[in-house]
Amino acid sequence: MNLAPSASIPSLVESSGRHAWYTGLVRWFVEARSHRVLCLVGGIWLLNAFDLILTVLAHQQGVLQEDNPIARYMFGLGIPSVILFKIGLVSIGSYPLLRFRTARITEMGSLVILLAYAYLAVHWSECYELYTLASVADVQLAELTSISPTGD
């Protein structure tokens, strides 16, 4: 399988040039894939940094119970080890995305990873809203979860 972005484009060009606009659009779209993957990986790094900051803050505030045994062990060693762990994981995961950034599957995979991190960012937002509500209103979390939407 050839991963070169413009290898199949010349076969689409008709000698009459009727579809030149379409061919140009396809060529531009395929050649821009590398740039899109770079932007997606940049977004992954940004959202990962957001997740790292909120994880460390939640751990320091005592509102986080880490379920990941490796991350729990890293928290036992100290915050710098957690930071290095997260940076190492994202670096290792970014390498294949950047190495094969011209492949269509890499673009789709990068988008899925970015969406997963975006979902995690929304989840963090909800967690902090519950934490703020519980700390300001002096309400226990069990009381928040036992309230039904109908008011019963």
C-alpha atoms as a PDB file:
ATOM      1  CA  MET A   1       0.000   0.000   0.000  1.00  0.00           C
ATOM      2  CA  ASN A   2       1.425   3.323  -1.056  1.00  0.00           C
ATOM      3  CA  LEU A   3       0.886   6.125   1.467  1.00  0.00           C
ATOM      4  CA  ALA A   4       2.030   8.921  -0.832  1.00  0.00           C
ATOM      5  CA  PRO A   5      -0.772  11.504  -0.919  1.00  0.00           C
ATOM      6  CA  SER A   6      -0.575  12.451  -4.585  1.00  0.00           C
ATOM      7  CA  ALA A   7       0.168   9.033  -6.115  1.00  0.00           C
ATOM      8  CA  SER A   8      -3.411   8.411  -7.300  1.00  0.00           C
ATOM      9  CA  ILE A   9      -4.354  12.008  -8.124  1.00  0.00           C
ATOM     10  CA  PRO A  10      -2.955  12.228 -11.692  1.00  0.00           C
ATOM     11  CA  SER A  11      -5.130   9.298 -12.766  1.00  0.00           C
ATOM     12  CA  LEU A  12      -8.218  11.403 -11.971  1.00  0.00           C
ATOM     13  CA  VAL A  13      -7.276  14.189 -14.369  1.00  0.00           C
ATOM     14  CA  GLU A  14      -9.025  14.008 -17.689  1.00  0.00           C
ATOM     15  CA  SER A  15      -7.284  15.298 -20.747  1.00  0.00           C
ATOM     16  CA  SER A  16     -10.159  17.665 -21.477  1.00  0.00           C
ATOM     17  CA  GLY A  17      -9.822  19.369 -18.074  1.00  0.00           C
ATOM     18  CA  ARG A  18     -13.570  19.185 -17.346  1.00  0.00           C
ATOM     19  CA  HIS A  19     -12.940  17.985 -13.832  1.00  0.00           C
ATOM     20  CA  ALA A  20      -9.904  20.139 -13.114  1.00  0.00           C
ATOM     21  CA  TRP A  21     -11.648  21.941 -10.252  1.00  0.00           C
ATOM     22  CA  TYR A  22     -12.583  18.620  -8.640  1.00  0.00           C
ATOM     23  CA  THR A  23      -9.096  17.225  -9.106  1.00  0.00           C
ATOM     24  CA  GLY A  24      -7.573  20.352  -7.639  1.00  0.00           C
ATOM     25  CA  LEU A  25      -9.905  20.145  -4.656  1.00  0.00           C
ATOM     26  CA  VAL A  26      -9.064  16.482  -4.064  1.00  0.00           C
ATOM     27  CA  ARG A  27      -5.338  17.203  -4.410  1.00  0.00           C
ATOM     28  CA  TRP A  28      -5.559  20.095  -1.943  1.00  0.00           C
ATOM     29  CA  PHE A  29      -7.575  18.008   0.536  1.00  0.00           C
ATOM     30  CA  VAL A  30      -5.151  15.073   0.415  1.00  0.00           C
ATOM     31  CA  GLU A  31      -2.051  17.246   0.630  1.00  0.00           C
ATOM     32  CA  ALA A  32      -3.510  19.165   3.596  1.00  0.00           C
ATOM     33  CA  ARG A  33      -3.929  15.932   5.596  1.00  0.00           C
ATOM     34  CA  SER A  34      -0.454  16.215   7.063  1.00  0.00           C
ATOM     35  CA  HIS A  35      -1.239  19.714   8.331  1.00  0.00           C
ATOM     36  CA  ARG A  36      -4.586  18.575   9.775  1.00  0.00           C
ATOM     37  CA  VAL A  37      -2.923  15.707  11.648  1.00  0.00           C
ATOM     38  CA  LEU A  38      -0.355  18.133  13.073  1.00  0.00           C
ATOM     39  CA  CYS A  39      -3.193  20.365  14.287  1.00  0.00           C
ATOM     40  CA  LEU A  40      -5.062  17.391  15.771  1.00  0.00           C
ATOM     41  CA  VAL A  41      -1.939  16.190  17.604  1.00  0.00           C
ATOM     42  CA  GLY A  42      -1.427  19.737  18.896  1.00  0.00           C
ATOM     43  CA  GLY A  43      -4.999  19.664  20.207  1.00  0.00           C
ATOM     44  CA  ILE A  44      -4.336  16.290  21.833  1.00  0.00           C
ATOM     45  CA  TRP A  45      -1.306  17.744  23.618  1.00  0.00           C
ATOM     46  CA  LEU A  46      -3.308  20.794  24.729  1.00  0.00           C
ATOM     47  CA  LEU A  47      -6.189  18.733  26.130  1.00  0.00           C
ATOM     48  CA  ASN A  48      -3.733  16.320  27.744  1.00  0.00           C
ATOM     49  CA  ALA A  49      -2.076  19.270  29.504  1.00  0.00           C
ATOM     50  CA  PHE A  50      -5.523  20.395  30.663  1.00  0.00           C
ATOM     51  CA  ASP A  51      -6.213  16.886  31.993  1.00  0.00           C
ATOM     52  CA  LEU A  52      -2.826  16.742  33.720  1.00  0.00           C
ATOM     53  CA  ILE A  53      -3.323  20.089  35.468  1.00  0.00           C
ATOM     54  CA  LEU A  54      -6.804  19.192  36.683  1.00  0.00           C
ATOM     55  CA  THR A  55      -5.677  15.731  37.805  1.00  0.00           C
ATOM     56  CA  VAL A  56      -2.825  17.181  39.851  1.00  0.00           C
ATOM     57  CA  LEU A  57      -5.060  19.907  41.332  1.00  0.00           C
ATOM     58  CA  ALA A  58      -7.787  17.412  42.225  1.00  0.00           C
ATOM     59  CA  HIS A  59      -5.220  15.126  43.825  1.00  0.00           C
ATOM     60  CA  GLN A  60      -3.742  17.981  45.866  1.00  0.00           C
ATOM     61  CA  GLN A  61      -7.228  19.072  46.986  1.00  0.00           C
ATOM     62  CA  GLY A  62      -8.079  15.527  48.024  1.00  0.00           C
ATOM     63  CA  VAL A  63     -11.055  15.118  45.692  1.00  0.00           C
ATOM     64  CA  LEU A  64      -9.403  12.546  43.405  1.00  0.00           C
ATOM     65  CA  GLN A  65      -9.200   8.845  44.051  1.00  0.00           C
ATOM     66  CA  GLU A  66      -6.931   7.565  41.298  1.00  0.00           C
ATOM     67  CA  ASP A  67      -8.135   4.237  39.880  1.00  0.00           C
ATOM     68  CA  ASN A  68      -5.210   3.712  37.511  1.00  0.00           C
ATOM     69  CA  PRO A  69      -2.675   1.634  39.501  1.00  0.00           C
ATOM     70  CA  ILE A  70       0.306   3.021  37.584  1.00  0.00           C
ATOM     71  CA  ALA A  71      -0.803   6.625  38.085  1.00  0.00           C
ATOM     72  CA  ARG A  72      -1.553   5.869  41.751  1.00  0.00           C
ATOM     73  CA  TYR A  73       1.999   4.587  42.138  1.00  0.00           C
ATOM     74  CA  MET A  74       3.344   7.703  40.379  1.00  0.00           C
ATOM     75  CA  PHE A  75       1.371   9.937  42.749  1.00  0.00           C
ATOM     76  CA  GLY A  76       3.072   8.078  45.596  1.00  0.00           C
ATOM     77  CA  LEU A  77       6.450   9.066  44.138  1.00  0.00           C
ATOM     78  CA  GLY A  78       5.461  12.721  43.768  1.00  0.00           C
ATOM     79  CA  ILE A  79       3.916  15.175  41.341  1.00  0.00           C
ATOM     80  CA  PRO A  80       7.000  15.430  39.044  1.00  0.00           C
ATOM     81  CA  SER A  81       6.808  11.694  38.362  1.00  0.00           C
ATOM     82  CA  VAL A  82       3.126  12.031  37.375  1.00  0.00           C
ATOM     83  CA  ILE A  83       4.011  14.866  35.006  1.00  0.00           C
ATOM     84  CA  LEU A  84       6.842  12.868  33.418  1.00  0.00           C
ATOM     85  CA  PHE A  85       4.586   9.811  33.163  1.00  0.00           C
ATOM     86  CA  LYS A  86       1.850  11.743  31.313  1.00  0.00           C
ATOM     87  CA  ILE A  87       4.307  13.524  29.027  1.00  0.00           C
ATOM     88  CA  GLY A  88       5.994  10.194  28.254  1.00  0.00           C
ATOM     89  CA  LEU A  89       2.707   8.489  27.403  1.00  0.00           C
ATOM     90  CA  VAL A  90       1.578  11.280  25.086  1.00  0.00           C
ATOM     91  CA  SER A  91       5.010  11.450  23.453  1.00  0.00           C
ATOM     92  CA  ILE A  92       5.010   7.724  22.759  1.00  0.00           C
ATOM     93  CA  GLY A  93       1.435   7.918  21.442  1.00  0.00           C
ATOM     94  CA  SER A  94       2.177  10.951  19.277  1.00  0.00           C
ATOM     95  CA  TYR A  95       5.118   9.391  17.464  1.00  0.00           C
ATOM     96  CA  PRO A  96       3.136   7.017  15.198  1.00  0.00           C
ATOM     97  CA  LEU A  97       0.565   9.749  14.506  1.00  0.00           C
ATOM     98  CA  LEU A  98       3.291  12.123  13.372  1.00  0.00           C
ATOM     99  CA  ARG A  99       5.313   9.453  11.569  1.00  0.00           C
ATOM    100  CA  PHE A 100       2.361   8.344   9.418  1.00  0.00           C
ATOM    101  CA  ARG A 101       0.562  11.700   9.261  1.00  0.00           C
ATOM    102  CA  THR A 102      -0.154  11.437   5.540  1.00  0.00           C
ATOM    103  CA  ALA A 103      -2.282   8.281   5.967  1.00  0.00           C
ATOM    104  CA  ARG A 104      -6.051   8.616   6.114  1.00  0.00           C
ATOM    105  CA  ILE A 105      -6.322   6.212   9.072  1.00  0.00           C
ATOM    106  CA  THR A 106      -3.929   8.407  11.062  1.00  0.00           C
ATOM    107  CA  GLU A 107      -6.156  11.426  10.554  1.00  0.00           C
ATOM    108  CA  MET A 108      -9.224   9.488  11.650  1.00  0.00           C
ATOM    109  CA  GLY A 109      -7.383   8.009  14.649  1.00  0.00           C
ATOM    110  CA  SER A 110      -6.137  11.441  15.699  1.00  0.00           C
ATOM    111  CA  LEU A 111      -9.669  12.791  15.511  1.00  0.00           C
ATOM    112  CA  VAL A 112     -10.998   9.944  17.673  1.00  0.00           C
ATOM    113  CA  ILE A 113      -8.278  10.549  20.286  1.00  0.00           C
ATOM    114  CA  LEU A 114      -8.995  14.290  20.289  1.00  0.00           C
ATOM    115  CA  LEU A 115     -12.719  13.651  20.752  1.00  0.00           C
ATOM    116  CA  ALA A 116     -11.983  11.291  23.653  1.00  0.00           C
ATOM    117  CA  TYR A 117      -9.893  13.982  25.350  1.00  0.00           C
ATOM    118  CA  ALA A 118     -12.629  16.544  24.678  1.00  0.00           C
ATOM    119  CA  TYR A 119     -15.128  14.225  26.364  1.00  0.00           C
ATOM    120  CA  LEU A 120     -12.736  13.954  29.300  1.00  0.00           C
ATOM    121  CA  ALA A 121     -12.523  17.757  29.495  1.00  0.00           C
ATOM    122  CA  VAL A 122     -16.328  17.972  29.689  1.00  0.00           C
ATOM    123  CA  HIS A 123     -16.270  15.292  32.381  1.00  0.00           C
ATOM    124  CA  TRP A 124     -13.741  17.324  34.386  1.00  0.00           C
ATOM    125  CA  SER A 125     -16.025  20.338  34.102  1.00  0.00           C
ATOM    126  CA  GLU A 126     -18.944  18.345  35.528  1.00  0.00           C
ATOM    127  CA  CYS A 127     -16.774  16.970  38.351  1.00  0.00           C
ATOM    128  CA  TYR A 128     -15.678  20.439  39.391  1.00  0.00           C
ATOM    129  CA  GLU A 129     -19.254  21.736  39.254  1.00  0.00           C
ATOM    130  CA  LEU A 130     -20.311  18.964  41.654  1.00  0.00           C
ATOM    131  CA  TYR A 131     -17.301  19.628  43.858  1.00  0.00           C
ATOM    132  CA  THR A 132     -18.062  23.364  43.946  1.00  0.00           C
ATOM    133  CA  LEU A 133     -21.719  22.755  44.698  1.00  0.00           C
ATOM    134  CA  ALA A 134     -20.850  20.323  47.482  1.00  0.00           C
ATOM    135  CA  SER A 135     -18.269  22.642  49.060  1.00  0.00           C
ATOM    136  CA  VAL A 136     -20.302  25.868  48.803  1.00  0.00           C
ATOM    137  CA  ALA A 137     -23.653  24.443  49.889  1.00  0.00           C
ATOM    138  CA  ASP A 138     -22.069  22.124  52.490  1.00  0.00           C
ATOM    139  CA  VAL A 139     -23.846  19.171  50.907  1.00  0.00           C
ATOM    140  CA  GLN A 140     -22.558  15.611  50.912  1.00  0.00           C
ATOM    141  CA  LEU A 141     -22.067  13.895  47.536  1.00  0.00           C
ATOM    142  CA  ALA A 142     -24.505  11.147  48.530  1.00  0.00           C
ATOM    143  CA  GLU A 143     -27.199  13.808  48.952  1.00  0.00           C
ATOM    144  CA  LEU A 144     -26.479  15.164  45.457  1.00  0.00           C
ATOM    145  CA  THR A 145     -26.744  11.763  43.802  1.00  0.00           C
ATOM    146  CA  SER A 146     -29.902  10.777  45.664  1.00  0.00           C
ATOM    147  CA  ILE A 147     -31.893  13.755  44.378  1.00  0.00           C
ATOM    148  CA  SER A 148     -34.132  12.616  41.547  1.00  0.00           C
ATOM    149  CA  PRO A 149     -34.892  14.868  38.550  1.00  0.00           C
ATOM    150  CA  THR A 150     -38.624  14.802  39.390  1.00  0.00           C
ATOM    151  CA  GLY A 151     -38.009  16.182  42.883  1.00  0.00           C
ATOM    152  CA  ASP A 152     -39.134  13.035  44.753  1.00  0.00           C
END
